[in-house]
């Protein structure tokens, strides 16, 4: 996805019924010269009917102190299974 609009459209349904979110950083590697930050983390989303724990690898490109590009990599089956259990419908078609 690109831009705030597409990000909001994707994230909105995920956060709507979330009671809490926890980000557990397992490893962080940063290169100031390259303006790159790599994160290995667990995103924990708490819903009324349980916890979804998503293992993620994040890549952040930083310029002048601002994140200009953010990519997350996750196993799509793990993500889909977790959100199905929580009753969250993911919006995958981000076109207007």
N, C-alpha and C. Protein backbone atom coordinates (compact mmCIF):
# COMPACT_ATOMS: atom_id res chain seq x y z
N UNK A 1 0.84 -1.17 0.00
CA UNK A 1 0.00 0.00 0.00
C UNK A 1 0.89 1.23 0.00
N UNK A 2 0.34 2.31 -0.49
CA UNK A 2 1.08 3.56 -0.50
C UNK A 2 0.18 4.68 -0.02
N UNK A 3 0.74 5.53 0.81
CA UNK A 3 0.01 6.71 1.27
C UNK A 3 -0.82 6.46 2.50
N UNK A 4 -1.17 7.56 3.14
CA UNK A 4 -1.93 7.50 4.39
C UNK A 4 -3.33 6.94 4.18
N UNK A 5 -3.97 7.28 3.06
CA UNK A 5 -5.33 6.81 2.80
C UNK A 5 -5.41 5.29 2.73
N UNK A 6 -4.52 4.68 1.96
CA UNK A 6 -4.53 3.22 1.84
C UNK A 6 -4.16 2.56 3.17
N UNK A 7 -3.21 3.16 3.89
CA UNK A 7 -2.84 2.61 5.19
C UNK A 7 -4.02 2.65 6.15
N UNK A 8 -4.74 3.77 6.19
CA UNK A 8 -5.91 3.88 7.08
C UNK A 8 -7.00 2.87 6.70
N UNK A 9 -7.19 2.70 5.40
CA UNK A 9 -8.23 1.77 4.94
C UNK A 9 -7.90 0.32 5.35
N UNK A 10 -6.63 -0.03 5.30
CA UNK A 10 -6.21 -1.38 5.68
C UNK A 10 -6.22 -1.56 7.20
N UNK A 11 -5.67 -0.58 7.92
CA UNK A 11 -5.50 -0.68 9.37
C UNK A 11 -6.82 -0.47 10.13
N UNK A 12 -7.73 0.34 9.59
CA UNK A 12 -8.98 0.66 10.28
C UNK A 12 -9.74 -0.55 10.81
N UNK A 13 -10.07 -1.53 9.98
CA UNK A 13 -10.80 -2.70 10.47
C UNK A 13 -10.01 -3.52 11.50
N UNK A 14 -8.71 -3.51 11.39
CA UNK A 14 -7.87 -4.25 12.34
C UNK A 14 -7.94 -3.62 13.71
N UNK A 15 -7.91 -2.29 13.76
CA UNK A 15 -7.87 -1.59 15.04
C UNK A 15 -9.25 -1.35 15.65
N UNK A 16 -10.29 -1.43 14.85
CA UNK A 16 -11.63 -1.08 15.31
C UNK A 16 -12.00 -1.77 16.62
N UNK A 17 -11.79 -3.06 16.72
CA UNK A 17 -12.19 -3.80 17.92
C UNK A 17 -11.01 -4.24 18.77
N UNK A 18 -9.85 -3.67 18.51
CA UNK A 18 -8.67 -4.01 19.28
C UNK A 18 -8.75 -3.35 20.65
N UNK A 19 -8.55 -4.14 21.69
CA UNK A 19 -8.57 -3.60 23.06
C UNK A 19 -7.21 -3.03 23.44
N UNK A 20 -6.14 -3.64 22.92
CA UNK A 20 -4.79 -3.19 23.21
C UNK A 20 -3.85 -3.74 22.15
N UNK A 21 -2.72 -3.07 22.00
CA UNK A 21 -1.67 -3.52 21.07
C UNK A 21 -0.35 -3.47 21.82
N UNK A 22 0.45 -4.49 21.60
CA UNK A 22 1.77 -4.55 22.20
C UNK A 22 2.78 -4.89 21.10
N UNK A 23 3.87 -4.16 21.05
CA UNK A 23 4.93 -4.43 20.08
C UNK A 23 6.13 -4.95 20.87
N UNK A 24 6.50 -6.18 20.62
CA UNK A 24 7.63 -6.80 21.31
C UNK A 24 8.81 -6.84 20.35
N UNK A 25 9.82 -6.03 20.62
CA UNK A 25 10.99 -5.99 19.76
C UNK A 25 11.94 -7.11 20.16
N UNK A 26 12.24 -7.97 19.20
CA UNK A 26 13.16 -9.07 19.44
C UNK A 26 14.59 -8.69 19.04
N UNK A 27 14.71 -8.03 17.91
CA UNK A 27 16.00 -7.55 17.42
C UNK A 27 15.80 -6.27 16.63
N UNK A 28 16.73 -5.34 16.80
CA UNK A 28 16.72 -4.10 16.04
C UNK A 28 18.14 -3.86 15.53
N UNK A 29 18.25 -3.60 14.24
CA UNK A 29 19.54 -3.29 13.64
C UNK A 29 19.36 -1.98 12.86
N UNK A 30 20.26 -1.04 13.09
CA UNK A 30 20.15 0.25 12.42
C UNK A 30 21.47 0.62 11.77
N UNK A 31 21.37 1.23 10.61
CA UNK A 31 22.53 1.78 9.92
C UNK A 31 22.25 3.25 9.65
N UNK A 32 22.93 4.10 10.41
CA UNK A 32 22.73 5.53 10.22
C UNK A 32 23.19 5.97 8.83
N UNK A 33 24.29 5.38 8.36
CA UNK A 33 24.81 5.73 7.02
C UNK A 33 23.80 5.41 5.93
N UNK A 34 23.14 4.25 6.02
CA UNK A 34 22.17 3.84 5.00
C UNK A 34 20.77 4.38 5.28
N UNK A 35 20.55 4.92 6.49
CA UNK A 35 19.21 5.38 6.84
C UNK A 35 18.22 4.24 6.91
N UNK A 36 18.68 3.13 7.46
CA UNK A 36 17.89 1.90 7.45
C UNK A 36 17.76 1.34 8.87
N UNK A 37 16.55 0.93 9.22
CA UNK A 37 16.30 0.26 10.49
C UNK A 37 15.56 -1.04 10.20
N UNK A 38 16.08 -2.14 10.73
CA UNK A 38 15.45 -3.46 10.57
C UNK A 38 14.96 -3.90 11.94
N UNK A 39 13.72 -4.38 11.98
CA UNK A 39 13.16 -4.86 13.24
C UNK A 39 12.60 -6.27 13.08
N UNK A 40 12.94 -7.11 14.02
CA UNK A 40 12.28 -8.41 14.15
C UNK A 40 11.40 -8.27 15.38
N UNK A 41 10.10 -8.48 15.21
CA UNK A 41 9.20 -8.20 16.33
C UNK A 41 7.96 -9.09 16.31
N UNK A 42 7.26 -9.04 17.41
CA UNK A 42 5.94 -9.67 17.53
C UNK A 42 4.95 -8.55 17.76
N UNK A 43 3.94 -8.46 16.91
CA UNK A 43 2.85 -7.53 17.14
C UNK A 43 1.73 -8.33 17.80
N UNK A 44 1.36 -7.92 19.00
CA UNK A 44 0.29 -8.60 19.73
C UNK A 44 -0.94 -7.70 19.75
N UNK A 45 -2.02 -8.20 19.20
CA UNK A 45 -3.27 -7.47 19.17
C UNK A 45 -4.27 -8.22 20.03
N UNK A 46 -4.85 -7.51 20.97
CA UNK A 46 -5.78 -8.11 21.92
C UNK A 46 -7.21 -7.77 21.53
N UNK A 47 -8.02 -8.81 21.37
CA UNK A 47 -9.44 -8.68 21.03
C UNK A 47 -10.26 -9.35 22.14
N UNK A 48 -11.55 -9.09 22.14
CA UNK A 48 -12.43 -9.68 23.15
C UNK A 48 -12.33 -11.20 23.18
N UNK A 49 -12.16 -11.82 22.01
CA UNK A 49 -12.11 -13.28 21.96
C UNK A 49 -10.70 -13.83 21.85
N UNK A 50 -9.69 -13.05 22.21
CA UNK A 50 -8.35 -13.59 22.25
C UNK A 50 -7.26 -12.68 21.73
N UNK A 51 -6.09 -13.25 21.70
CA UNK A 51 -4.87 -12.56 21.31
C UNK A 51 -4.43 -13.06 19.94
N UNK A 52 -4.04 -12.12 19.08
CA UNK A 52 -3.39 -12.47 17.82
C UNK A 52 -1.94 -12.05 17.97
N UNK A 53 -1.03 -12.97 17.71
CA UNK A 53 0.39 -12.66 17.77
C UNK A 53 0.97 -12.86 16.37
N UNK A 54 1.48 -11.79 15.80
CA UNK A 54 2.00 -11.82 14.44
C UNK A 54 3.50 -11.59 14.45
N UNK A 55 4.30 -12.59 14.06
CA UNK A 55 5.73 -12.37 13.90
C UNK A 55 5.99 -11.56 12.63
N UNK A 56 6.78 -10.50 12.75
CA UNK A 56 7.03 -9.59 11.63
C UNK A 56 8.50 -9.24 11.51
N UNK A 57 8.88 -8.96 10.29
CA UNK A 57 10.18 -8.36 9.99
C UNK A 57 9.86 -7.01 9.37
N UNK A 58 10.34 -5.94 9.98
CA UNK A 58 10.07 -4.60 9.48
C UNK A 58 11.32 -3.96 8.91
N UNK A 59 11.14 -3.19 7.85
CA UNK A 59 12.23 -2.45 7.21
C UNK A 59 11.77 -0.99 7.12
N UNK A 60 12.54 -0.11 7.73
CA UNK A 60 12.22 1.32 7.73
C UNK A 60 13.34 2.08 7.04
N UNK A 61 12.97 2.89 6.08
CA UNK A 61 13.92 3.78 5.42
C UNK A 61 13.70 5.17 6.01
N UNK A 62 14.77 5.75 6.54
CA UNK A 62 14.67 7.02 7.27
C UNK A 62 15.49 8.08 6.54
N UNK A 63 14.86 9.23 6.33
CA UNK A 63 15.54 10.38 5.73
C UNK A 63 15.20 11.62 6.56
N UNK A 64 16.23 12.34 6.98
CA UNK A 64 16.06 13.57 7.75
C UNK A 64 15.15 13.36 8.96
N UNK A 65 15.34 12.22 9.63
CA UNK A 65 14.59 11.94 10.86
C UNK A 65 13.17 11.47 10.66
N UNK A 66 12.74 11.26 9.43
CA UNK A 66 11.37 10.84 9.13
C UNK A 66 11.39 9.48 8.44
N UNK A 67 10.43 8.62 8.80
CA UNK A 67 10.27 7.37 8.08
C UNK A 67 9.63 7.69 6.74
N UNK A 68 10.33 7.39 5.65
CA UNK A 68 9.80 7.67 4.32
C UNK A 68 9.32 6.39 3.63
N UNK A 69 9.71 5.25 4.17
CA UNK A 69 9.23 3.98 3.62
C UNK A 69 9.22 2.96 4.76
N UNK A 70 8.13 2.19 4.83
CA UNK A 70 7.97 1.19 5.89
C UNK A 70 7.42 -0.06 5.25
N UNK A 71 8.17 -1.13 5.37
CA UNK A 71 7.71 -2.41 4.84
C UNK A 71 7.70 -3.43 5.96
N UNK A 72 6.64 -4.20 6.06
CA UNK A 72 6.55 -5.30 7.01
C UNK A 72 6.40 -6.60 6.24
N UNK A 73 7.10 -7.61 6.69
CA UNK A 73 7.02 -8.92 6.08
C UNK A 73 6.53 -9.91 7.12
N UNK A 74 5.51 -10.69 6.74
CA UNK A 74 4.94 -11.68 7.65
C UNK A 74 4.45 -12.87 6.83
N UNK A 75 4.27 -13.96 7.50
CA UNK A 75 3.69 -15.14 6.85
C UNK A 75 2.19 -14.90 6.69
N UNK A 76 1.73 -14.84 5.45
CA UNK A 76 0.33 -14.48 5.20
C UNK A 76 -0.66 -15.48 5.79
N UNK A 77 -0.31 -16.76 5.84
CA UNK A 77 -1.22 -17.76 6.43
C UNK A 77 -1.39 -17.52 7.92
N UNK A 78 -0.31 -17.17 8.62
CA UNK A 78 -0.38 -16.88 10.05
C UNK A 78 -1.26 -15.66 10.30
N UNK A 79 -1.07 -14.64 9.49
CA UNK A 79 -1.85 -13.40 9.62
C UNK A 79 -3.33 -13.68 9.36
N UNK A 80 -3.64 -14.35 8.26
CA UNK A 80 -5.04 -14.64 7.89
C UNK A 80 -5.72 -15.49 8.95
N UNK A 81 -5.03 -16.49 9.46
CA UNK A 81 -5.60 -17.37 10.48
C UNK A 81 -5.92 -16.58 11.76
N UNK A 82 -4.98 -15.75 12.17
CA UNK A 82 -5.20 -14.96 13.39
C UNK A 82 -6.38 -14.02 13.27
N UNK A 83 -6.47 -13.31 12.16
CA UNK A 83 -7.57 -12.37 12.00
C UNK A 83 -8.91 -13.08 11.79
N UNK A 84 -8.89 -14.23 11.18
CA UNK A 84 -10.13 -15.01 11.04
C UNK A 84 -10.65 -15.41 12.41
N UNK A 85 -9.77 -15.82 13.30
CA UNK A 85 -10.16 -16.20 14.66
C UNK A 85 -10.76 -15.00 15.40
N UNK A 86 -10.18 -13.81 15.17
CA UNK A 86 -10.67 -12.60 15.83
C UNK A 86 -11.90 -12.02 15.14
N UNK A 87 -12.27 -12.56 13.98
CA UNK A 87 -13.43 -12.05 13.26
C UNK A 87 -13.17 -10.75 12.54
N UNK A 88 -11.90 -10.49 12.20
CA UNK A 88 -11.53 -9.26 11.51
C UNK A 88 -11.41 -9.55 10.03
N UNK A 89 -12.14 -8.77 9.21
CA UNK A 89 -12.06 -8.93 7.76
C UNK A 89 -11.00 -7.96 7.24
N UNK A 90 -9.97 -8.52 6.65
CA UNK A 90 -8.90 -7.68 6.10
C UNK A 90 -9.33 -7.12 4.75
N UNK A 91 -9.00 -5.86 4.52
CA UNK A 91 -9.27 -5.22 3.24
C UNK A 91 -7.98 -5.32 2.42
N UNK A 92 -7.99 -6.15 1.43
CA UNK A 92 -6.80 -6.37 0.63
C UNK A 92 -6.82 -5.60 -0.68
N UNK A 93 -8.01 -5.24 -1.15
CA UNK A 93 -8.13 -4.43 -2.37
C UNK A 93 -8.13 -2.98 -1.94
N UNK A 94 -7.02 -2.30 -2.13
CA UNK A 94 -6.88 -0.94 -1.62
C UNK A 94 -7.19 0.13 -2.66
N UNK A 95 -7.56 -0.30 -3.86
CA UNK A 95 -7.91 0.67 -4.90
C UNK A 95 -9.23 1.35 -4.55
N UNK A 96 -9.33 2.62 -4.90
CA UNK A 96 -10.59 3.36 -4.64
C UNK A 96 -11.70 2.93 -5.54
